[in-house]
C-alpha atoms as a PDB file:
ATOM      1  CA  GLU A   1      -5.036  13.851   8.830  1.00  0.00           C
ATOM      2  CA  GLY A   2      -6.042  13.693   5.298  1.00  0.00           C
ATOM      3  CA  ASN A   3      -5.430  16.181   2.316  1.00  0.00           C
ATOM      4  CA  GLU A   4      -8.380  18.533   3.063  1.00  0.00           C
ATOM      5  CA  PRO A   5      -8.121  20.626   6.515  1.00  0.00           C
ATOM      6  CA  GLY A   6     -10.600  18.654   8.557  1.00  0.00           C
ATOM      7  CA  ASP A   7     -10.540  15.477   7.238  1.00  0.00           C
ATOM      8  CA  SER A   8      -9.237  13.272   9.550  1.00  0.00           C
ATOM      9  CA  ALA A   9     -10.144   9.785  11.326  1.00  0.00           C
ATOM     10  CA  LYS A  10      -9.041   8.192  14.332  1.00  0.00           C
ATOM     11  CA  ILE A  11      -8.175   4.659  14.959  1.00  0.00           C
ATOM     12  CA  THR A  12      -6.436   2.533  17.684  1.00  0.00           C
ATOM     13  CA  TYR A  13      -3.105   0.597  18.006  1.00  0.00           C
ATOM     14  CA  ASN A  14      -5.540  -2.261  17.929  1.00  0.00           C
ATOM     15  CA  GLU A  15      -7.941  -1.566  15.195  1.00  0.00           C
ATOM     16  CA  LEU A  16      -5.015  -1.165  12.944  1.00  0.00           C
ATOM     17  CA  LEU A  17      -3.085  -4.020  13.470  1.00  0.00           C
ATOM     18  CA  HIS A  18      -6.177  -6.044  12.783  1.00  0.00           C
ATOM     19  CA  LYS A  19      -6.804  -4.186   9.503  1.00  0.00           C
ATOM     20  CA  VAL A  20      -3.126  -4.298   8.900  1.00  0.00           C
ATOM     21  CA  CYS A  21      -3.148  -8.473   9.833  1.00  0.00           C
ATOM     22  CA  GLN A  22      -6.532  -8.793   7.348  1.00  0.00           C
ATOM     23  CA  PHE A  23      -4.840  -7.034   4.372  1.00  0.00           C
ATOM     24  CA  ALA A  24      -1.855  -9.180   4.828  1.00  0.00           C
ATOM     25  CA  ASN A  25      -4.008 -12.265   4.319  1.00  0.00           C
ATOM     26  CA  VAL A  26      -5.443 -11.010   1.547  1.00  0.00           C
ATOM     27  CA  LEU A  27      -1.700 -10.053  -0.135  1.00  0.00           C
ATOM     28  CA  ARG A  28      -0.953 -13.528   0.827  1.00  0.00           C
ATOM     29  CA  SER A  29      -3.763 -15.121  -0.728  1.00  0.00           C
ATOM     30  CA  GLN A  30      -2.965 -13.362  -4.298  1.00  0.00           C
ATOM     31  CA  GLY A  31       0.168 -15.361  -3.775  1.00  0.00           C
ATOM     32  CA  VAL A  32       2.463 -12.254  -2.597  1.00  0.00           C
ATOM     33  CA  LYS A  33       5.405 -13.617  -0.583  1.00  0.00           C
ATOM     34  CA  LYS A  34       8.502 -12.042   1.510  1.00  0.00           C
ATOM     35  CA  GLY A  35      10.964 -10.484  -1.011  1.00  0.00           C
ATOM     36  CA  ASP A  36       7.790  -9.384  -3.651  1.00  0.00           C
ATOM     37  CA  ARG A  37       7.984  -6.219  -4.862  1.00  0.00           C
ATOM     38  CA  ILE A  38       4.511  -4.156  -4.919  1.00  0.00           C
ATOM     39  CA  SER A  39       3.458  -0.863  -6.128  1.00  0.00           C
ATOM     40  CA  ILE A  40       0.979   1.314  -3.805  1.00  0.00           C
ATOM     41  CA  TYR A  41      -0.846   3.854  -6.245  1.00  0.00           C
ATOM     42  CA  MET A  42      -3.370   5.602  -3.293  1.00  0.00           C
ATOM     43  CA  PRO A  43      -3.893   9.177  -2.212  1.00  0.00           C
ATOM     44  CA  MET A  44      -3.422  10.172   1.035  1.00  0.00           C
ATOM     45  CA  ILE A  45      -5.844   7.919   3.113  1.00  0.00           C
ATOM     46  CA  LEU A  46      -5.744   5.010   6.084  1.00  0.00           C
ATOM     47  CA  GLU A  47      -5.512   2.461   3.212  1.00  0.00           C
ATOM     48  CA  LEU A  48      -2.440   3.400   1.909  1.00  0.00           C
ATOM     49  CA  VAL A  49      -1.242   3.105   5.891  1.00  0.00           C
ATOM     50  CA  VAL A  50      -2.761  -0.256   6.214  1.00  0.00           C
ATOM     51  CA  ALA A  51      -1.171  -1.640   2.515  1.00  0.00           C
ATOM     52  CA  MET A  52       2.457  -0.496   3.731  1.00  0.00           C
ATOM     53  CA  LEU A  53       2.026  -2.047   6.901  1.00  0.00           C
ATOM     54  CA  ALA A  54       0.855  -5.209   5.683  1.00  0.00           C
ATOM     55  CA  CYS A  55       3.818  -5.195   3.210  1.00  0.00           C
ATOM     56  CA  ALA A  56       6.218  -4.825   5.720  1.00  0.00           C
ATOM     57  CA  ARG A  57       4.238  -7.870   7.846  1.00  0.00           C
ATOM     58  CA  ILE A  58       5.028 -10.159   5.026  1.00  0.00           C
ATOM     59  CA  GLY A  59       8.343  -8.882   4.059  1.00  0.00           C
ATOM     60  CA  ALA A  60       7.012  -7.783   0.489  1.00  0.00           C
ATOM     61  CA  LEU A  61       8.919  -5.019  -0.692  1.00  0.00           C
ATOM     62  CA  HIS A  62       6.463  -2.098  -1.428  1.00  0.00           C
ATOM     63  CA  SER A  63       7.381   1.213  -3.739  1.00  0.00           C
ATOM     64  CA  VAL A  64       4.571   4.290  -2.945  1.00  0.00           C
ATOM     65  CA  VAL A  65       4.151   6.132  -6.254  1.00  0.00           C
ATOM     66  CA  PHE A  66       2.426   9.824  -5.579  1.00  0.00           C
ATOM     67  CA  ALA A  67      -1.343   9.448  -7.225  1.00  0.00           C
ATOM     68  CA  GLY A  68      -0.857  12.454  -8.956  1.00  0.00           C
ATOM     69  CA  PHE A  69       1.542  11.216 -11.105  1.00  0.00           C
ATOM     70  CA  SER A  70       0.406  10.356 -14.757  1.00  0.00           C
ATOM     71  CA  ALA A  71      -0.047   6.650 -16.626  1.00  0.00           C
ATOM     72  CA  ASP A  72       2.806   6.860 -18.094  1.00  0.00           C
ATOM     73  CA  SER A  73       4.984   8.014 -15.057  1.00  0.00           C
ATOM     74  CA  LEU A  74       3.485   5.079 -12.885  1.00  0.00           C
ATOM     75  CA  CYS A  75       4.018   2.636 -15.935  1.00  0.00           C
ATOM     76  CA  GLU A  76       7.616   3.770 -15.928  1.00  0.00           C
ATOM     77  CA  ARG A  77       8.120   2.990 -12.100  1.00  0.00           C
ATOM     78  CA  ILE A  78       6.379  -0.110 -12.406  1.00  0.00           C
ATOM     79  CA  LEU A  79       8.574  -1.480 -14.681  1.00  0.00           C
ATOM     80  CA  ASP A  80      11.665   0.146 -13.119  1.00  0.00           C
ATOM     81  CA  CYS A  81      11.020  -2.018 -10.016  1.00  0.00           C
ATOM     82  CA  GLY A  82       9.779  -4.915 -11.635  1.00  0.00           C
ATOM     83  CA  CYS A  83       6.544  -5.089  -9.194  1.00  0.00           C
ATOM     84  CA  SER A  84       4.219  -8.060  -9.480  1.00  0.00           C
ATOM     85  CA  LEU A  85       1.341  -5.977  -7.943  1.00  0.00           C
ATOM     86  CA  LEU A  86       0.030  -2.702  -7.892  1.00  0.00           C
ATOM     87  CA  LEU A  87      -2.390  -2.064  -5.393  1.00  0.00           C
ATOM     88  CA  THR A  88      -4.593   1.491  -6.316  1.00  0.00           C
END
């Protein structure tokens, strides 16, 4: 379910697995490897779940930053965790 009432989507485990594997390959092609730190700055959408699971699949650490934070707050969190990639 999304943020708005009535905003929802259905996905099977097989479809989710396909999306996660596909995005994990995108991350690998960008040079992300096990132990790398990634910040995720997204609203509550399906792609957020896919990104988190793709990070877990390749062993990258992820930090989800609430999409309502300001640019300064996001910057502080990126610097604090020393992330190498920001997903938006």
